[in-house]
Amino acid sequence: MKSNPYLSFRDNAREALAFYQSVFGGETQITTFAEFNASDEPDEQDLVMHGHLESPHGIVLMMADTPKSMEYTPGGSISISINGTEDAELTAYWEKLSDGGTVVMPFDKPDWGGKFGMLVDRFGVTWMISIDDE
């Protein structure tokens, strides 16, 4: 059994998937609305019906574009948390995700130890990055 986030976008899931691949590395897969006959709208045929990223470090993200016929709320009410003891790797994630985004809580030493920060990336996704004390 696995659990991983499934992110929704409006017309830019392909761009988001490429961005997250540049952050986390790994392999991507994309299927389009056209491949699933999921929309009759001509301008939605090349949109992402299902995007999948699996990084070498086990981070899995899935995503899709939301068709015009469905309601879309950017960001929603969820944060993606990534934590571990790999200082260099997690710091690199922070730097790449924050590029073009908004820092909510600076990446610094919190009262509970380690290092922690929170940001909203350029696609409206909230991330919490935490480096645990070894």
C-alpha atoms as a PDB file:
ATOM      1  CA  MET A   1       0.000   0.000   0.000  1.00  0.00           C
ATOM      2  CA  LYS A   2       1.232   3.522  -0.841  1.00  0.00           C
ATOM      3  CA  SER A   3       0.011   7.054  -0.365  1.00  0.00           C
ATOM      4  CA  ASN A   4       1.115   9.973  -2.489  1.00  0.00           C
ATOM      5  CA  PRO A   5      -0.295  13.367  -3.445  1.00  0.00           C
ATOM      6  CA  TYR A   6      -2.372  13.824  -6.578  1.00  0.00           C
ATOM      7  CA  LEU A   7      -2.141  17.465  -7.623  1.00  0.00           C
ATOM      8  CA  SER A   8      -4.685  19.327  -9.736  1.00  0.00           C
ATOM      9  CA  PHE A   9      -3.873  22.175 -12.106  1.00  0.00           C
ATOM     10  CA  ARG A  10      -5.678  24.292 -14.684  1.00  0.00           C
ATOM     11  CA  ASP A  11      -3.952  23.952 -18.062  1.00  0.00           C
ATOM     12  CA  ASN A  12      -0.379  23.796 -16.698  1.00  0.00           C
ATOM     13  CA  ALA A  13       0.104  20.281 -15.295  1.00  0.00           C
ATOM     14  CA  ARG A  14       2.679  19.519 -18.012  1.00  0.00           C
ATOM     15  CA  GLU A  15       4.707  22.590 -16.989  1.00  0.00           C
ATOM     16  CA  ALA A  16       4.369  21.673 -13.299  1.00  0.00           C
ATOM     17  CA  LEU A  17       5.486  18.089 -13.964  1.00  0.00           C
ATOM     18  CA  ALA A  18       8.612  19.330 -15.782  1.00  0.00           C
ATOM     19  CA  PHE A  19       9.328  21.722 -12.883  1.00  0.00           C
ATOM     20  CA  TYR A  20       8.990  18.994 -10.243  1.00  0.00           C
ATOM     21  CA  GLN A  21      11.215  16.708 -12.315  1.00  0.00           C
ATOM     22  CA  SER A  22      13.853  19.477 -12.319  1.00  0.00           C
ATOM     23  CA  VAL A  23      13.556  19.648  -8.512  1.00  0.00           C
ATOM     24  CA  PHE A  24      13.417  15.957  -7.599  1.00  0.00           C
ATOM     25  CA  GLY A  25      14.855  14.189 -10.653  1.00  0.00           C
ATOM     26  CA  GLY A  26      13.359  10.917 -11.790  1.00  0.00           C
ATOM     27  CA  GLU A  27      11.184   9.684 -14.588  1.00  0.00           C
ATOM     28  CA  THR A  28       7.872  11.106 -15.781  1.00  0.00           C
ATOM     29  CA  GLN A  29       4.924   9.669 -17.643  1.00  0.00           C
ATOM     30  CA  ILE A  30       2.094  11.635 -19.245  1.00  0.00           C
ATOM     31  CA  THR A  31      -1.169  10.606 -20.821  1.00  0.00           C
ATOM     32  CA  THR A  32      -3.433  13.201 -22.395  1.00  0.00           C
ATOM     33  CA  PHE A  33      -7.160  13.843 -22.492  1.00  0.00           C
ATOM     34  CA  ALA A  34      -7.084  12.789 -26.164  1.00  0.00           C
ATOM     35  CA  GLU A  35      -5.610   9.381 -25.317  1.00  0.00           C
ATOM     36  CA  PHE A  36      -8.551   8.699 -22.964  1.00  0.00           C
ATOM     37  CA  ASN A  37     -11.205  10.460 -25.053  1.00  0.00           C
ATOM     38  CA  ALA A  38     -11.812  12.455 -21.876  1.00  0.00           C
ATOM     39  CA  SER A  39     -12.975  15.710 -23.448  1.00  0.00           C
ATOM     40  CA  ASP A  40     -14.840  16.859 -26.535  1.00  0.00           C
ATOM     41  CA  GLU A  41     -13.227  20.300 -26.250  1.00  0.00           C
ATOM     42  CA  PRO A  42     -10.588  20.743 -29.006  1.00  0.00           C
ATOM     43  CA  ASP A  43      -8.403  22.960 -26.790  1.00  0.00           C
ATOM     44  CA  GLU A  44      -8.278  20.288 -24.042  1.00  0.00           C
ATOM     45  CA  GLN A  45      -7.009  17.374 -26.127  1.00  0.00           C
ATOM     46  CA  ASP A  46      -3.309  17.892 -25.253  1.00  0.00           C
ATOM     47  CA  LEU A  47      -3.964  18.543 -21.550  1.00  0.00           C
ATOM     48  CA  VAL A  48      -2.634  16.092 -18.959  1.00  0.00           C
ATOM     49  CA  MET A  49      -5.177  13.453 -17.969  1.00  0.00           C
ATOM     50  CA  HIS A  50      -2.570  11.763 -15.790  1.00  0.00           C
ATOM     51  CA  GLY A  51       1.006  12.774 -15.033  1.00  0.00           C
ATOM     52  CA  HIS A  52       3.333  10.721 -12.880  1.00  0.00           C
ATOM     53  CA  LEU A  53       6.767  11.476 -11.427  1.00  0.00           C
ATOM     54  CA  GLU A  54       8.830   9.001  -9.454  1.00  0.00           C
ATOM     55  CA  SER A  55      12.134  10.324  -8.104  1.00  0.00           C
ATOM     56  CA  PRO A  56      15.231   8.270  -7.287  1.00  0.00           C
ATOM     57  CA  HIS A  57      14.633   9.062  -3.584  1.00  0.00           C
ATOM     58  CA  GLY A  58      11.103   7.651  -3.523  1.00  0.00           C
ATOM     59  CA  ILE A  59       9.103  10.857  -3.935  1.00  0.00           C
ATOM     60  CA  VAL A  60       6.038  10.135  -6.063  1.00  0.00           C
ATOM     61  CA  LEU A  61       3.807  12.894  -7.410  1.00  0.00           C
ATOM     62  CA  MET A  62       0.759  12.423  -9.598  1.00  0.00           C
ATOM     63  CA  MET A  63      -1.102  15.239 -11.284  1.00  0.00           C
ATOM     64  CA  ALA A  64      -3.658  16.235 -13.873  1.00  0.00           C
ATOM     65  CA  ASP A  65      -5.204  19.234 -15.539  1.00  0.00           C
ATOM     66  CA  THR A  66      -8.732  20.023 -14.435  1.00  0.00           C
ATOM     67  CA  PRO A  67     -11.087  20.357 -17.424  1.00  0.00           C
ATOM     68  CA  LYS A  68     -13.097  23.552 -17.852  1.00  0.00           C
ATOM     69  CA  SER A  69     -16.268  21.625 -17.032  1.00  0.00           C
ATOM     70  CA  MET A  70     -15.034  21.009 -13.457  1.00  0.00           C
ATOM     71  CA  GLU A  71     -14.527  23.401 -10.562  1.00  0.00           C
ATOM     72  CA  TYR A  72     -10.891  24.146  -9.735  1.00  0.00           C
ATOM     73  CA  THR A  73      -9.457  25.628  -6.530  1.00  0.00           C
ATOM     74  CA  PRO A  74      -5.678  26.208  -6.643  1.00  0.00           C
ATOM     75  CA  GLY A  75      -3.691  24.887  -3.685  1.00  0.00           C
ATOM     76  CA  GLY A  76      -6.619  23.390  -1.803  1.00  0.00           C
ATOM     77  CA  SER A  77      -6.063  22.672   1.870  1.00  0.00           C
ATOM     78  CA  ILE A  78      -3.102  20.308   1.849  1.00  0.00           C
ATOM     79  CA  SER A  79       0.653  20.671   2.328  1.00  0.00           C
ATOM     80  CA  ILE A  80       3.254  18.225   1.084  1.00  0.00           C
ATOM     81  CA  SER A  81       5.854  17.446   3.740  1.00  0.00           C
ATOM     82  CA  ILE A  82       9.290  16.060   2.921  1.00  0.00           C
ATOM     83  CA  ASN A  83      11.638  15.257   5.750  1.00  0.00           C
ATOM     84  CA  GLY A  84      14.800  13.312   6.413  1.00  0.00           C
ATOM     85  CA  THR A  85      18.420  13.685   7.458  1.00  0.00           C
ATOM     86  CA  GLU A  86      19.883  14.341   3.991  1.00  0.00           C
ATOM     87  CA  ASP A  87      20.872  17.993   4.520  1.00  0.00           C
ATOM     88  CA  ALA A  88      22.287  18.737   1.056  1.00  0.00           C
ATOM     89  CA  GLU A  89      19.430  17.061  -0.830  1.00  0.00           C
ATOM     90  CA  LEU A  90      16.638  18.625   1.249  1.00  0.00           C
ATOM     91  CA  THR A  91      18.264  22.069   1.117  1.00  0.00           C
ATOM     92  CA  ALA A  92      18.458  21.755  -2.687  1.00  0.00           C
ATOM     93  CA  TYR A  93      14.741  20.869  -2.793  1.00  0.00           C
ATOM     94  CA  TRP A  94      13.978  23.951  -0.706  1.00  0.00           C
ATOM     95  CA  GLU A  95      15.991  26.239  -2.957  1.00  0.00           C
ATOM     96  CA  LYS A  96      14.455  24.905  -6.169  1.00  0.00           C
ATOM     97  CA  LEU A  97      10.860  24.824  -4.886  1.00  0.00           C
ATOM     98  CA  SER A  98      11.089  28.350  -3.481  1.00  0.00           C
ATOM     99  CA  ASP A  99      12.333  29.797  -6.805  1.00  0.00           C
ATOM    100  CA  GLY A 100       9.374  31.816  -8.064  1.00  0.00           C
ATOM    101  CA  GLY A 101       7.316  30.887  -5.022  1.00  0.00           C
ATOM    102  CA  THR A 102       6.478  32.509  -1.676  1.00  0.00           C
ATOM    103  CA  VAL A 103       8.267  31.652   1.555  1.00  0.00           C
ATOM    104  CA  VAL A 104       5.715  31.262   4.349  1.00  0.00           C
ATOM    105  CA  MET A 105       8.231  30.295   7.050  1.00  0.00           C
ATOM    106  CA  PRO A 106      11.961  30.756   6.374  1.00  0.00           C
ATOM    107  CA  PHE A 107      14.128  27.637   6.172  1.00  0.00           C
ATOM    108  CA  ASP A 108      15.810  27.865   9.552  1.00  0.00           C
ATOM    109  CA  LYS A 109      16.290  26.150  12.919  1.00  0.00           C
ATOM    110  CA  PRO A 110      12.945  25.865  14.753  1.00  0.00           C
ATOM    111  CA  ASP A 111      12.567  25.456  18.513  1.00  0.00           C
ATOM    112  CA  TRP A 112      12.108  21.689  18.132  1.00  0.00           C
ATOM    113  CA  GLY A 113      15.490  21.204  16.426  1.00  0.00           C
ATOM    114  CA  GLY A 114      16.738  20.372  12.983  1.00  0.00           C
ATOM    115  CA  LYS A 115      15.814  22.749  10.179  1.00  0.00           C
ATOM    116  CA  PHE A 116      12.341  23.555   8.850  1.00  0.00           C
ATOM    117  CA  GLY A 117      10.660  25.820   6.326  1.00  0.00           C
ATOM    118  CA  MET A 118       7.329  26.228   4.575  1.00  0.00           C
ATOM    119  CA  LEU A 119       6.647  27.703   1.149  1.00  0.00           C
ATOM    120  CA  VAL A 120       4.078  27.943  -1.607  1.00  0.00           C
ATOM    121  CA  ASP A 121       5.677  27.140  -4.956  1.00  0.00           C
ATOM    122  CA  ARG A 122       5.018  28.949  -8.248  1.00  0.00           C
ATOM    123  CA  PHE A 123       2.115  26.559  -8.959  1.00  0.00           C
ATOM    124  CA  GLY A 124       0.305  27.226  -5.657  1.00  0.00           C
ATOM    125  CA  VAL A 125       1.362  23.984  -3.936  1.00  0.00           C
ATOM    126  CA  THR A 126       2.351  24.287  -0.255  1.00  0.00           C
ATOM    127  CA  TRP A 127       5.506  22.440   0.830  1.00  0.00           C
ATOM    128  CA  MET A 128       7.059  21.816   4.240  1.00  0.00           C
ATOM    129  CA  ILE A 129      10.721  20.778   4.176  1.00  0.00           C
ATOM    130  CA  SER A 130      12.292  19.459   7.360  1.00  0.00           C
ATOM    131  CA  ILE A 131      15.808  18.262   8.077  1.00  0.00           C
ATOM    132  CA  ASP A 132      15.793  16.072  11.159  1.00  0.00           C
ATOM    133  CA  ASP A 133      18.617  16.045  13.696  1.00  0.00           C
ATOM    134  CA  GLU A 134      20.579  12.851  13.251  1.00  0.00           C
END
